[in-house]
């Protein structure tokens, strides 16, 4: 059975929240701060892809949040306002994930989560949704 765009978008939003939950758990434990940054990037990526999916907009297989924000901005110019936030998270997807020298501080990890949450909130607002998912 083929899933609707709305179902796919909802699944991506749930996955984004799961990534944020994992990031918060690691932050609370003050452990695996590199993983916190990775999950923050993933949460932002999935939120952006949920927006595009809901609108029926195709996007490339990419972890580059700037590129995804640009695609979102082609639909809704206000996405340009969050481009710099996405740029700061993009390296956490791959480049820094495999960098054996990368060990972020707790403040840097917290900042990554805050950026991901800002992107998620922005996406939800553009989708006409609240934090609880109500319309």
Protein backbone atom coordinates (compact mmCIF):
# COMPACT_ATOMS: atom_id res chain seq x y z
CA UNK A 1 0.00 0.00 0.00
CA UNK A 2 1.41 3.36 -1.02
CA UNK A 3 1.71 5.89 1.79
CA UNK A 4 0.44 9.42 1.32
CA UNK A 5 2.73 12.45 1.32
CA UNK A 6 1.16 13.49 4.62
CA UNK A 7 1.95 10.12 6.19
CA UNK A 8 5.54 10.26 4.93
CA UNK A 9 5.96 13.82 6.21
CA UNK A 10 4.51 12.84 9.58
CA UNK A 11 6.94 9.91 9.78
CA UNK A 12 9.86 12.23 9.09
CA UNK A 13 8.69 14.64 11.80
CA UNK A 14 8.46 11.76 14.27
CA UNK A 15 11.98 10.63 13.32
CA UNK A 16 13.21 14.21 13.77
CA UNK A 17 11.72 14.26 17.27
CA UNK A 18 13.35 10.91 18.00
CA UNK A 19 16.72 12.35 17.02
CA UNK A 20 16.15 15.29 19.34
CA UNK A 21 15.14 12.95 22.16
CA UNK A 22 18.38 10.98 21.68
CA UNK A 23 20.40 14.20 21.64
CA UNK A 24 18.77 15.38 24.87
CA UNK A 25 19.41 12.02 26.56
CA UNK A 26 23.11 12.21 25.71
CA UNK A 27 23.28 15.83 26.87
CA UNK A 28 21.64 14.93 30.17
CA UNK A 29 24.15 12.12 30.66
CA UNK A 30 26.99 14.46 29.61
CA UNK A 31 28.23 11.70 27.30
CA UNK A 32 28.64 11.12 23.57
CA UNK A 33 28.55 14.82 22.75
CA UNK A 34 29.67 14.10 19.17
CA UNK A 35 26.56 11.96 18.84
CA UNK A 36 24.48 14.86 20.16
CA UNK A 37 25.73 16.99 17.27
CA UNK A 38 25.03 14.22 14.75
CA UNK A 39 21.46 13.76 16.01
CA UNK A 40 20.91 17.52 15.96
CA UNK A 41 21.88 17.63 12.29
CA UNK A 42 19.70 14.63 11.52
CA UNK A 43 16.70 16.18 13.29
CA UNK A 44 17.02 19.37 11.25
CA UNK A 45 17.48 17.42 8.02
CA UNK A 46 14.39 15.29 8.62
CA UNK A 47 12.29 18.32 9.53
CA UNK A 48 13.25 20.08 6.29
CA UNK A 49 12.59 16.93 4.29
CA UNK A 50 9.19 16.60 5.99
CA UNK A 51 8.27 20.08 4.76
CA UNK A 52 9.33 19.24 1.23
CA UNK A 53 7.59 15.87 1.31
CA UNK A 54 4.33 17.39 2.53
CA UNK A 55 4.46 19.86 -0.36
CA UNK A 56 5.25 17.20 -2.93
CA UNK A 57 8.63 18.79 -3.66
CA UNK A 58 11.39 16.42 -4.73
CA UNK A 59 14.80 16.82 -3.15
CA UNK A 60 18.18 15.17 -3.68
CA UNK A 61 19.74 12.63 -1.38
CA UNK A 62 21.79 15.09 0.62
CA UNK A 63 22.81 15.88 4.16
CA UNK A 64 23.57 19.47 3.16
CA UNK A 65 21.10 21.58 5.13
CA UNK A 66 21.93 24.74 3.18
CA UNK A 67 20.91 23.00 -0.02
CA UNK A 68 17.70 21.69 1.55
CA UNK A 69 16.88 25.14 2.93
CA UNK A 70 17.40 26.62 -0.54
CA UNK A 71 14.93 24.12 -1.98
CA UNK A 72 12.45 25.00 0.78
CA UNK A 73 13.02 28.69 0.04
CA UNK A 74 12.04 28.09 -3.58
CA UNK A 75 8.59 27.27 -2.19
CA UNK A 76 8.52 29.72 0.72
CA UNK A 77 11.08 32.54 0.68
CA UNK A 78 10.98 32.86 4.48
CA UNK A 79 13.16 29.75 4.69
CA UNK A 80 16.04 32.01 3.71
CA UNK A 81 15.92 33.27 7.30
CA UNK A 82 17.20 29.92 8.64
CA UNK A 83 19.89 29.21 6.05
CA UNK A 84 22.75 30.16 8.37
CA UNK A 85 21.39 27.92 11.11
CA UNK A 86 21.45 24.97 8.74
CA UNK A 87 24.96 25.80 7.57
CA UNK A 88 26.27 25.43 11.11
CA UNK A 89 24.79 21.95 11.47
CA UNK A 90 25.70 20.48 8.08
CA UNK A 91 29.26 19.38 8.99
CA UNK A 92 27.91 17.18 11.79
CA UNK A 93 26.29 14.82 9.27
CA UNK A 94 29.38 13.29 7.73
CA UNK A 95 32.59 15.31 7.87
CA UNK A 96 32.84 15.62 11.64
CA UNK A 97 31.08 12.33 12.28
CA UNK A 98 34.17 10.47 11.07
CA UNK A 99 36.77 12.93 12.34
CA UNK A 100 38.62 11.21 15.19
CA UNK A 101 39.76 14.65 16.40
CA UNK A 102 36.24 16.04 16.77
CA UNK A 103 35.07 16.08 20.38
CA UNK A 104 32.67 18.97 20.96
CA UNK A 105 32.25 20.73 24.27
CA UNK A 106 28.95 20.56 26.12
CA UNK A 107 28.12 24.17 25.14
CA UNK A 108 28.79 23.39 21.45
CA UNK A 109 26.58 20.30 21.64
CA UNK A 110 23.83 22.28 23.38
CA UNK A 111 24.08 24.95 20.69
CA UNK A 112 23.67 22.29 17.98
CA UNK A 113 20.50 21.00 19.65
CA UNK A 114 19.13 24.51 20.00
CA UNK A 115 19.77 25.12 16.29
CA UNK A 116 17.99 21.89 15.34
CA UNK A 117 15.05 22.77 17.56
CA UNK A 118 14.85 26.23 15.96
CA UNK A 119 14.73 24.66 12.50
CA UNK A 120 12.11 22.15 13.60
CA UNK A 121 9.93 24.88 15.14
CA UNK A 122 10.29 26.98 11.99
CA UNK A 123 9.28 24.06 9.78
CA UNK A 124 6.29 23.26 11.99
CA UNK A 125 5.17 26.89 11.83
CA UNK A 126 5.43 26.90 8.03
CA UNK A 127 3.37 23.69 7.97
CA UNK A 128 0.69 25.34 10.12
CA UNK A 129 1.43 23.08 13.07
CA UNK A 130 2.18 23.59 16.73
CA UNK A 131 4.72 21.81 18.89
CA UNK A 132 2.15 19.18 19.84
CA UNK A 133 1.30 18.51 16.20
CA UNK A 134 -2.10 20.19 16.33
CA UNK A 135 -3.34 22.10 13.32
